[in-house]
């Protein structure tokens, strides 16, 4: 597979991809809700801390699936790098 930037999707392709992604998230959310209900039922019948741990894990997965991934930001250049670059430009101009 070639490296570099992924191909930008057009309007129709982007909508199709988003619909597919949303459908997958909804399906996973339903599954996790069913698991949550089953574990809650077990927890109410007097179980151990394992159920609580499982519930917290499911809750984390649901939150992670619902939140958008953070966009990466470009790293700002440090002062030393900027100074060295200015010096190089001066030498080239001279």
PDB file of N, CA and C in Angstrom:
ATOM      1  N   UNK A   1       0.840  -1.167   0.000  1.00  0.00           N
ATOM      2  CA  UNK A   1       0.000   0.000   0.000  1.00  0.00           C
ATOM      3  C   UNK A   1       0.891   1.237   0.000  1.00  0.00           C
ATOM      4  N   UNK A   2       0.621   2.202  -0.827  1.00  0.00           N
ATOM      5  CA  UNK A   2       1.473   3.387  -0.890  1.00  0.00           C
ATOM      6  C   UNK A   2       1.336   4.226   0.369  1.00  0.00           C
ATOM      7  N   UNK A   3       2.431   4.857   0.714  1.00  0.00           N
ATOM      8  CA  UNK A   3       2.431   5.719   1.895  1.00  0.00           C
ATOM      9  C   UNK A   3       2.062   7.131   1.498  1.00  0.00           C
ATOM     10  N   UNK A   4       1.814   7.964   2.470  1.00  0.00           N
ATOM     11  CA  UNK A   4       1.483   9.350   2.209  1.00  0.00           C
ATOM     12  C   UNK A   4       0.064   9.649   2.632  1.00  0.00           C
ATOM     13  N   UNK A   5      -0.468  10.681   2.069  1.00  0.00           N
ATOM     14  CA  UNK A   5      -1.816  11.097   2.428  1.00  0.00           C
ATOM     15  C   UNK A   5      -2.852  10.151   1.831  1.00  0.00           C
ATOM     16  N   UNK A   6      -3.883   9.857   2.609  1.00  0.00           N
ATOM     17  CA  UNK A   6      -4.958   9.062   2.029  1.00  0.00           C
ATOM     18  C   UNK A   6      -5.744   9.897   1.019  1.00  0.00           C
ATOM     19  N   UNK A   7      -6.356   9.210   0.078  1.00  0.00           N
ATOM     20  CA  UNK A   7      -7.122   9.893  -0.956  1.00  0.00           C
ATOM     21  C   UNK A   7      -8.338  10.568  -0.318  1.00  0.00           C
ATOM     22  N   UNK A   8      -8.605  11.812  -0.724  1.00  0.00           N
ATOM     23  CA  UNK A   8      -9.776  12.520  -0.217  1.00  0.00           C
ATOM     24  C   UNK A   8     -11.018  11.981  -0.904  1.00  0.00           C
ATOM     25  N   UNK A   9     -12.039  11.755  -0.099  1.00  0.00           N
ATOM     26  CA  UNK A   9     -13.276  11.218  -0.638  1.00  0.00           C
ATOM     27  C   UNK A   9     -14.156  12.346  -1.164  1.00  0.00           C
ATOM     28  N   UNK A  10     -14.886  12.048  -2.226  1.00  0.00           N
ATOM     29  CA  UNK A  10     -15.837  13.009  -2.763  1.00  0.00           C
ATOM     30  C   UNK A  10     -17.092  13.044  -1.904  1.00  0.00           C
ATOM     31  N   UNK A  11     -18.036  13.900  -2.249  1.00  0.00           N
ATOM     32  CA  UNK A  11     -19.251  14.085  -1.459  1.00  0.00           C
ATOM     33  C   UNK A  11     -20.038  12.808  -1.249  1.00  0.00           C
ATOM     34  N   UNK A  12     -20.361  12.111  -2.341  1.00  0.00           N
ATOM     35  CA  UNK A  12     -21.175  10.897  -2.243  1.00  0.00           C
ATOM     36  C   UNK A  12     -20.425   9.793  -1.490  1.00  0.00           C
ATOM     37  N   UNK A  13     -19.141   9.617  -1.817  1.00  0.00           N
ATOM     38  CA  UNK A  13     -18.350   8.573  -1.149  1.00  0.00           C
ATOM     39  C   UNK A  13     -18.215   8.854   0.342  1.00  0.00           C
ATOM     40  N   UNK A  14     -18.042  10.132   0.682  1.00  0.00           N
ATOM     41  CA  UNK A  14     -17.895  10.514   2.086  1.00  0.00           C
ATOM     42  C   UNK A  14     -19.178  10.232   2.855  1.00  0.00           C
ATOM     43  N   UNK A  15     -20.315  10.555   2.267  1.00  0.00           N
ATOM     44  CA  UNK A  15     -21.596  10.294   2.919  1.00  0.00           C
ATOM     45  C   UNK A  15     -21.794   8.794   3.112  1.00  0.00           C
ATOM     46  N   UNK A  16     -21.440   8.009   2.105  1.00  0.00           N
ATOM     47  CA  UNK A  16     -21.563   6.546   2.216  1.00  0.00           C
ATOM     48  C   UNK A  16     -20.690   6.012   3.347  1.00  0.00           C
ATOM     49  N   UNK A  17     -19.452   6.500   3.410  1.00  0.00           N
ATOM     50  CA  UNK A  17     -18.537   6.041   4.459  1.00  0.00           C
ATOM     51  C   UNK A  17     -19.059   6.439   5.838  1.00  0.00           C
ATOM     52  N   UNK A  18     -19.558   7.667   5.965  1.00  0.00           N
ATOM     53  CA  UNK A  18     -20.086   8.118   7.250  1.00  0.00           C
ATOM     54  C   UNK A  18     -21.321   7.311   7.647  1.00  0.00           C
ATOM     55  N   UNK A  19     -22.192   7.018   6.688  1.00  0.00           N
ATOM     56  CA  UNK A  19     -23.378   6.199   6.989  1.00  0.00           C
ATOM     57  C   UNK A  19     -22.979   4.819   7.484  1.00  0.00           C
ATOM     58  N   UNK A  20     -21.980   4.243   6.847  1.00  0.00           N
ATOM     59  CA  UNK A  20     -21.497   2.921   7.260  1.00  0.00           C
ATOM     60  C   UNK A  20     -20.915   2.973   8.671  1.00  0.00           C
ATOM     61  N   UNK A  21     -20.125   4.010   8.938  1.00  0.00           N
ATOM     62  CA  UNK A  21     -19.509   4.159  10.254  1.00  0.00           C
ATOM     63  C   UNK A  21     -20.565   4.366  11.329  1.00  0.00           C
ATOM     64  N   UNK A  22     -21.537   5.225  11.061  1.00  0.00           N
ATOM     65  CA  UNK A  22     -22.599   5.486  12.030  1.00  0.00           C
ATOM     66  C   UNK A  22     -23.414   4.217  12.285  1.00  0.00           C
ATOM     67  N   UNK A  23     -23.720   3.469  11.230  1.00  0.00           N
ATOM     68  CA  UNK A  23     -24.467   2.220  11.400  1.00  0.00           C
ATOM     69  C   UNK A  23     -23.687   1.235  12.272  1.00  0.00           C
ATOM     70  N   UNK A  24     -22.372   1.155  12.063  1.00  0.00           N
ATOM     71  CA  UNK A  24     -21.549   0.249  12.870  1.00  0.00           C
ATOM     72  C   UNK A  24     -21.527   0.691  14.333  1.00  0.00           C
ATOM     73  N   UNK A  25     -21.439   2.004  14.564  1.00  0.00           N
ATOM     74  CA  UNK A  25     -21.440   2.514  15.941  1.00  0.00           C
ATOM     75  C   UNK A  25     -22.781   2.250  16.627  1.00  0.00           C
ATOM     76  N   UNK A  26     -23.874   2.427  15.897  1.00  0.00           N
ATOM     77  CA  UNK A  26     -25.193   2.167  16.477  1.00  0.00           C
ATOM     78  C   UNK A  26     -25.327   0.690  16.834  1.00  0.00           C
ATOM     79  N   UNK A  27     -24.864  -0.177  15.938  1.00  0.00           N
ATOM     80  CA  UNK A  27     -24.932  -1.622  16.189  1.00  0.00           C
ATOM     81  C   UNK A  27     -24.113  -1.996  17.424  1.00  0.00           C
ATOM     82  N   UNK A  28     -22.893  -1.436  17.516  1.00  0.00           N
ATOM     83  CA  UNK A  28     -22.043  -1.730  18.669  1.00  0.00           C
ATOM     84  C   UNK A  28     -22.649  -1.173  19.951  1.00  0.00           C
ATOM     85  N   UNK A  29     -23.254   0.010  19.862  1.00  0.00           N
ATOM     86  CA  UNK A  29     -23.877   0.623  21.023  1.00  0.00           C
ATOM     87  C   UNK A  29     -25.017  -0.248  21.546  1.00  0.00           C
ATOM     88  N   UNK A  30     -25.831  -0.783  20.641  1.00  0.00           N
ATOM     89  CA  UNK A  30     -26.925  -1.678  21.053  1.00  0.00           C
ATOM     90  C   UNK A  30     -26.382  -2.917  21.749  1.00  0.00           C
ATOM     91  N   UNK A  31     -25.322  -3.483  21.176  1.00  0.00           N
ATOM     92  CA  UNK A  31     -24.714  -4.686  21.758  1.00  0.00           C
ATOM     93  C   UNK A  31     -24.185  -4.395  23.158  1.00  0.00           C
ATOM     94  N   UNK A  32     -23.510  -3.254  23.305  1.00  0.00           N
ATOM     95  CA  UNK A  32     -22.949  -2.895  24.600  1.00  0.00           C
ATOM     96  C   UNK A  32     -24.046  -2.597  25.622  1.00  0.00           C
ATOM     97  N   UNK A  33     -25.142  -2.013  25.162  1.00  0.00           N
ATOM     98  CA  UNK A  33     -26.261  -1.761  26.078  1.00  0.00           C
ATOM     99  C   UNK A  33     -26.850  -3.075  26.583  1.00  0.00           C
ATOM    100  N   UNK A  34     -26.968  -4.063  25.673  1.00  0.00           N
ATOM    101  CA  UNK A  34     -27.474  -5.376  26.090  1.00  0.00           C
ATOM    102  C   UNK A  34     -26.532  -6.013  27.117  1.00  0.00           C
ATOM    103  N   UNK A  35     -25.219  -5.910  26.861  1.00  0.00           N
ATOM    104  CA  UNK A  35     -24.249  -6.444  27.820  1.00  0.00           C
ATOM    105  C   UNK A  35     -24.361  -5.728  29.152  1.00  0.00           C
ATOM    106  N   UNK A  36     -24.530  -4.424  29.095  1.00  0.00           N
ATOM    107  CA  UNK A  36     -24.640  -3.619  30.304  1.00  0.00           C
ATOM    108  C   UNK A  36     -25.861  -4.043  31.120  1.00  0.00           C
ATOM    109  N   UNK A  37     -26.980  -4.239  30.456  1.00  0.00           N
ATOM    110  CA  UNK A  37     -28.195  -4.658  31.157  1.00  0.00           C
ATOM    111  C   UNK A  37     -28.014  -6.035  31.778  1.00  0.00           C
ATOM    112  N   UNK A  38     -27.395  -6.950  31.026  1.00  0.00           N
ATOM    113  CA  UNK A  38     -27.183  -8.300  31.559  1.00  0.00           C
ATOM    114  C   UNK A  38     -26.282  -8.263  32.783  1.00  0.00           C
ATOM    115  N   UNK A  39     -25.224  -7.468  32.721  1.00  0.00           N
ATOM    116  CA  UNK A  39     -24.311  -7.380  33.859  1.00  0.00           C
ATOM    117  C   UNK A  39     -24.961  -6.655  35.036  1.00  0.00           C
ATOM    118  N   UNK A  40     -25.785  -5.670  34.752  1.00  0.00           N
ATOM    119  CA  UNK A  40     -26.496  -4.976  35.827  1.00  0.00           C
ATOM    120  C   UNK A  40     -27.448  -5.919  36.542  1.00  0.00           C
ATOM    121  N   UNK A  41     -28.101  -6.773  35.767  1.00  0.00           N
ATOM    122  CA  UNK A  41     -29.018  -7.755  36.354  1.00  0.00           C
ATOM    123  C   UNK A  41     -28.246  -8.710  37.256  1.00  0.00           C
ATOM    124  N   UNK A  42     -27.105  -9.156  36.777  1.00  0.00           N
ATOM    125  CA  UNK A  42     -26.270 -10.044  37.595  1.00  0.00           C
ATOM    126  C   UNK A  42     -25.778  -9.334  38.843  1.00  0.00           C
ATOM    127  N   UNK A  43     -25.444  -8.051  38.706  1.00  0.00           N
ATOM    128  CA  UNK A  43     -24.916  -7.290  39.837  1.00  0.00           C
ATOM    129  C   UNK A  43     -25.975  -7.136  40.917  1.00  0.00           C
ATOM    130  N   UNK A  44     -27.220  -6.959  40.514  1.00  0.00           N
ATOM    131  CA  UNK A  44     -28.295  -6.785  41.495  1.00  0.00           C
ATOM    132  C   UNK A  44     -28.592  -8.081  42.246  1.00  0.00           C
ATOM    133  N   UNK A  45     -28.168  -9.203  41.697  1.00  0.00           N
ATOM    134  CA  UNK A  45     -28.393 -10.496  42.359  1.00  0.00           C
ATOM    135  C   UNK A  45     -27.281 -10.830  43.351  1.00  0.00           C
ATOM    136  N   UNK A  46     -26.446  -9.848  43.659  1.00  0.00           N
ATOM    137  CA  UNK A  46     -25.418 -10.065  44.669  1.00  0.00           C
ATOM    138  C   UNK A  46     -24.168 -10.698  44.119  1.00  0.00           C
ATOM    139  N   UNK A  47     -23.435  -9.982  43.321  1.00  0.00           N
ATOM    140  CA  UNK A  47     -22.206 -10.528  42.752  1.00  0.00           C
ATOM    141  C   UNK A  47     -20.994  -9.767  43.285  1.00  0.00           C
ATOM    142  N   UNK A  48     -19.853 -10.075  42.738  1.00  0.00           N
ATOM    143  CA  UNK A  48     -18.602  -9.520  43.234  1.00  0.00           C
ATOM    144  C   UNK A  48     -18.187  -8.260  42.475  1.00  0.00           C
ATOM    145  N   UNK A  49     -16.965  -7.813  42.727  1.00  0.00           N
ATOM    146  CA  UNK A  49     -16.426  -6.626  42.071  1.00  0.00           C
ATOM    147  C   UNK A  49     -16.100  -6.838  40.611  1.00  0.00           C
ATOM    148  N   UNK A  50     -16.071  -8.097  40.145  1.00  0.00           N
ATOM    149  CA  UNK A  50     -15.795  -8.367  38.734  1.00  0.00           C
ATOM    150  C   UNK A  50     -16.843  -7.740  37.835  1.00  0.00           C
ATOM    151  N   UNK A  51     -18.091  -7.767  38.263  1.00  0.00           N
ATOM    152  CA  UNK A  51     -19.169  -7.185  37.463  1.00  0.00           C
ATOM    153  C   UNK A  51     -18.990  -5.674  37.380  1.00  0.00           C
ATOM    154  N   UNK A  52     -18.641  -5.062  38.510  1.00  0.00           N
ATOM    155  CA  UNK A  52     -18.414  -3.615  38.503  1.00  0.00           C
ATOM    156  C   UNK A  52     -17.288  -3.248  37.542  1.00  0.00           C
ATOM    157  N   UNK A  53     -16.233  -4.038  37.557  1.00  0.00           N
ATOM    158  CA  UNK A  53     -15.108  -3.795  36.659  1.00  0.00           C
ATOM    159  C   UNK A  53     -15.549  -3.944  35.206  1.00  0.00           C
ATOM    160  N   UNK A  54     -16.348  -4.966  34.930  1.00  0.00           N
ATOM    161  CA  UNK A  54     -16.842  -5.166  33.565  1.00  0.00           C
ATOM    162  C   UNK A  54     -17.720  -4.004  33.119  1.00  0.00           C
ATOM    163  N   UNK A  55     -18.571  -3.537  34.015  1.00  0.00           N
ATOM    164  CA  UNK A  55     -19.442  -2.407  33.680  1.00  0.00           C
ATOM    165  C   UNK A  55     -18.626  -1.151  33.376  1.00  0.00           C
ATOM    166  N   UNK A  56     -17.597  -0.908  34.164  1.00  0.00           N
ATOM    167  CA  UNK A  56     -16.743   0.266  33.905  1.00  0.00           C
ATOM    168  C   UNK A  56     -16.037   0.132  32.565  1.00  0.00           C
ATOM    169  N   UNK A  57     -15.597  -1.072  32.241  1.00  0.00           N
ATOM    170  CA  UNK A  57     -14.936  -1.287  30.953  1.00  0.00           C
ATOM    171  C   UNK A  57     -15.876  -1.040  29.786  1.00  0.00           C
ATOM    172  N   UNK A  58     -17.101  -1.515  29.910  1.00  0.00           N
ATOM    173  CA  UNK A  58     -18.084  -1.287  28.849  1.00  0.00           C
ATOM    174  C   UNK A  58     -18.390   0.198  28.733  1.00  0.00           C
ATOM    175  N   UNK A  59     -18.534   0.855  29.864  1.00  0.00           N
ATOM    176  CA  UNK A  59     -18.819   2.290  29.840  1.00  0.00           C
ATOM    177  C   UNK A  59     -17.694   3.056  29.143  1.00  0.00           C
ATOM    178  N   UNK A  60     -16.451   2.694  29.413  1.00  0.00           N
ATOM    179  CA  UNK A  60     -15.319   3.349  28.754  1.00  0.00           C
ATOM    180  C   UNK A  60     -15.349   3.130  27.248  1.00  0.00           C
ATOM    181  N   UNK A  61     -15.664   1.894  26.825  1.00  0.00           N
ATOM    182  CA  UNK A  61     -15.717   1.616  25.386  1.00  0.00           C
ATOM    183  C   UNK A  61     -16.813   2.408  24.694  1.00  0.00           C
ATOM    184  N   UNK A  62     -17.966   2.540  25.365  1.00  0.00           N
ATOM    185  CA  UNK A  62     -19.064   3.311  24.784  1.00  0.00           C
ATOM    186  C   UNK A  62     -18.659   4.777  24.653  1.00  0.00           C
ATOM    187  N   UNK A  63     -18.062   5.325  25.702  1.00  0.00           N
ATOM    188  CA  UNK A  63     -17.633   6.728  25.651  1.00  0.00           C
ATOM    189  C   UNK A  63     -16.596   6.941  24.564  1.00  0.00           C
ATOM    190  N   UNK A  64     -15.665   6.007  24.427  1.00  0.00           N
ATOM    191  CA  UNK A  64     -14.622   6.130  23.410  1.00  0.00           C
ATOM    192  C   UNK A  64     -15.216   6.066  22.005  1.00  0.00           C
ATOM    193  N   UNK A  65     -16.219   5.204  21.819  1.00  0.00           N
ATOM    194  CA  UNK A  65     -16.848   5.074  20.505  1.00  0.00           C
ATOM    195  C   UNK A  65     -17.659   6.310  20.150  1.00  0.00           C
ATOM    196  N   UNK A  66     -18.215   6.978  21.154  1.00  0.00           N
ATOM    197  CA  UNK A  66     -19.070   8.132  20.892  1.00  0.00           C
ATOM    198  C   UNK A  66     -18.294   9.431  20.715  1.00  0.00           C
ATOM    199  N   UNK A  67     -17.115   9.523  21.283  1.00  0.00           N
ATOM    200  CA  UNK A  67     -16.342  10.756  21.151  1.00  0.00           C
ATOM    201  C   UNK A  67     -15.528  10.713  19.867  1.00  0.00           C
ATOM    202  N   UNK A  68     -15.404  11.867  19.251  1.00  0.00           N
ATOM    203  CA  UNK A  68     -14.624  11.977  18.014  1.00  0.00           C
ATOM    204  C   UNK A  68     -13.143  11.923  18.352  1.00  0.00           C
ATOM    205  N   UNK A  69     -12.327  11.329  17.495  1.00  0.00           N
ATOM    206  CA  UNK A  69     -10.889  11.311  17.762  1.00  0.00           C
ATOM    207  C   UNK A  69     -10.319  12.724  17.716  1.00  0.00           C
ATOM    208  N   UNK A  70      -9.368  12.994  18.574  1.00  0.00           N
ATOM    209  CA  UNK A  70      -8.751  14.318  18.618  1.00  0.00           C
ATOM    210  C   UNK A  70      -7.905  14.537  17.378  1.00  0.00           C
ATOM    211  N   UNK A  71      -8.003  15.730  16.820  1.00  0.00           N
ATOM    212  CA  UNK A  71      -7.209  16.042  15.636  1.00  0.00           C
ATOM    213  C   UNK A  71      -5.778  16.310  16.057  1.00  0.00           C
ATOM    214  N   UNK A  72      -4.858  15.851  15.265  1.00  0.00           N
ATOM    215  CA  UNK A  72      -3.452  16.083  15.566  1.00  0.00           C
ATOM    216  C   UNK A  72      -3.066  17.488  15.142  1.00  0.00           C
ATOM    217  N   UNK A  73      -2.245  18.095  15.952  1.00  0.00           N
ATOM    218  CA  UNK A  73      -1.761  19.428  15.620  1.00  0.00           C
ATOM    219  C   UNK A  73      -0.296  19.331  15.247  1.00  0.00           C
ATOM    220  N   UNK A  74       0.108  20.250  14.374  1.00  0.00           N
ATOM    221  CA  UNK A  74       1.519  20.267  14.014  1.00  0.00           C
ATOM    222  C   UNK A  74       2.330  20.769  15.193  1.00  0.00           C
ATOM    223  N   UNK A  75       3.508  20.214  15.311  1.00  0.00           N
ATOM    224  CA  UNK A  75       4.387  20.608  16.396  1.00  0.00           C
ATOM    225  C   UNK A  75       4.977  21.979  16.087  1.00  0.00           C
ATOM    226  N   UNK A  76       4.949  22.844  17.093  1.00  0.00           N
ATOM    227  CA  UNK A  76       5.530  24.164  16.902  1.00  0.00           C
ATOM    228  C   UNK A  76       7.041  24.056  17.007  1.00  0.00           C
ATOM    229  N   UNK A  77       7.715  24.868  16.206  1.00  0.00           N
ATOM    230  CA  UNK A  77       9.171  24.828  16.229  1.00  0.00           C
ATOM    231  C   UNK A  77       9.685  25.536  17.476  1.00  0.00           C
ATOM    232  N   UNK A  78      10.765  25.020  18.001  1.00  0.00           N
ATOM    233  CA  UNK A  78      11.386  25.632  19.158  1.00  0.00           C
ATOM    234  C   UNK A  78      12.178  26.863  18.754  1.00  0.00           C
ATOM    235  N   UNK A  79      12.574  27.664  19.723  1.00  0.00           N
ATOM    236  CA  UNK A  79      13.305  28.904  19.465  1.00  0.00           C
ATOM    237  C   UNK A  79      14.665  28.605  18.828  1.00  0.00           C
ATOM    238  N   UNK A  80      15.321  27.534  19.261  1.00  0.00           N
ATOM    239  CA  UNK A  80      16.647  27.202  18.727  1.00  0.00           C
ATOM    240  C   UNK A  80      16.565  26.867  17.244  1.00  0.00           C
ATOM    241  N   UNK A  81      15.544  26.152  16.846  1.00  0.00           N
ATOM    242  CA  UNK A  81      15.384  25.778  15.440  1.00  0.00           C
ATOM    243  C   UNK A  81      15.130  27.009  14.584  1.00  0.00           C
ATOM    244  N   UNK A  82      14.275  27.900  15.064  1.00  0.00           N
ATOM    245  CA  UNK A  82      13.960  29.115  14.306  1.00  0.00           C
ATOM    246  C   UNK A  82      15.198  29.996  14.163  1.00  0.00           C
ATOM    247  N   UNK A  83      16.006  30.115  15.219  1.00  0.00           N
ATOM    248  CA  UNK A  83      17.218  30.939  15.169  1.00  0.00           C
ATOM    249  C   UNK A  83      18.211  30.364  14.164  1.00  0.00           C
ATOM    250  N   UNK A  84      18.409  29.058  14.193  1.00  0.00           N
ATOM    251  CA  UNK A  84      19.340  28.406  13.263  1.00  0.00           C
ATOM    252  C   UNK A  84      18.867  28.590  11.821  1.00  0.00           C
ATOM    253  N   UNK A  85      17.580  28.545  11.597  1.00  0.00           N
ATOM    254  CA  UNK A  85      17.055  28.701  10.247  1.00  0.00           C
ATOM    255  C   UNK A  85      17.277  30.126   9.746  1.00  0.00           C
ATOM    256  N   UNK A  86      17.078  31.119  10.621  1.00  0.00           N
ATOM    257  CA  UNK A  86      17.306  32.510  10.229  1.00  0.00           C
ATOM    258  C   UNK A  86      18.778  32.730   9.863  1.00  0.00           C
ATOM    259  N   UNK A  87      19.673  32.142  10.656  1.00  0.00           N
ATOM    260  CA  UNK A  87      21.101  32.281  10.393  1.00  0.00           C
ATOM    261  C   UNK A  87      21.455  31.659   9.038  1.00  0.00           C
ATOM    262  N   UNK A  88      20.897  30.502   8.744  1.00  0.00           N
ATOM    263  CA  UNK A  88      21.153  29.835   7.470  1.00  0.00           C
ATOM    264  C   UNK A  88      20.667  30.688   6.316  1.00  0.00           C
ATOM    265  N   UNK A  89      19.496  31.306   6.461  1.00  0.00           N
ATOM    266  CA  UNK A  89      18.974  32.164   5.391  1.00  0.00           C
ATOM    267  C   UNK A  89      19.900  33.353   5.145  1.00  0.00           C
ATOM    268  N   UNK A  90      20.428  33.936   6.215  1.00  0.00           N
ATOM    269  CA  UNK A  90      21.332  35.078   6.064  1.00  0.00           C
ATOM    270  C   UNK A  90      22.587  34.689   5.320  1.00  0.00           C
ATOM    271  N   UNK A  91      23.118  33.504   5.648  1.00  0.00           N
ATOM    272  CA  UNK A  91      24.341  33.043   4.988  1.00  0.00           C
ATOM    273  C   UNK A  91      24.093  32.813   3.497  1.00  0.00           C
ATOM    274  N   UNK A  92      22.956  32.272   3.165  1.00  0.00           N
ATOM    275  CA  UNK A  92      22.629  32.017   1.756  1.00  0.00           C
ATOM    276  C   UNK A  92      22.456  33.327   1.008  1.00  0.00           C
ATOM    277  N   UNK A  93      21.862  34.315   1.641  1.00  0.00           N
ATOM    278  CA  UNK A  93      21.626  35.592   0.977  1.00  0.00           C
ATOM    279  C   UNK A  93      22.931  36.357   0.747  1.00  0.00           C
ATOM    280  N   UNK A  94      23.894  36.139   1.603  1.00  0.00           N
ATOM    281  CA  UNK A  94      25.170  36.871   1.494  1.00  0.00           C
ATOM    282  C   UNK A  94      26.053  36.349   0.403  1.00  0.00           C
TER     283      UNK A  94
END
